[in-house]
Amino acid sequence: MTYEQALGLVREALSRVVPDAGFASVGPDEKFRDVLEVDSLDFLEFVEVLSGLTGVRLDEDDYQDLTTLADGARLVAARAGV
């Protein structure tokens, strides 16, 4: 999986949890939870959806690497074997 594919899956997972997410307002290195006002329960759902979309296991230790779109994409791409 490429970084671009992983980034698309991170965005897709977020859009499933926050359907009205305005990705135009979220830069790749901005904390999307702050910009999109994602609460803790929505974040946990995002992690679950992202794991399901990618087949990548995401544990609580990984949450610190899921703060920005770019970080999430790098994590998923690395775990998927890029």
Foldseek 3Di string as FASTA:
>chain_A
DDLVVLLVLLVVLLCVLVVVDDCVQADQPAQSCVVSVQDPVSVVSSQVSSCVVLVFDDDPVCVVQVRGSSSRSVVSCVRSPD
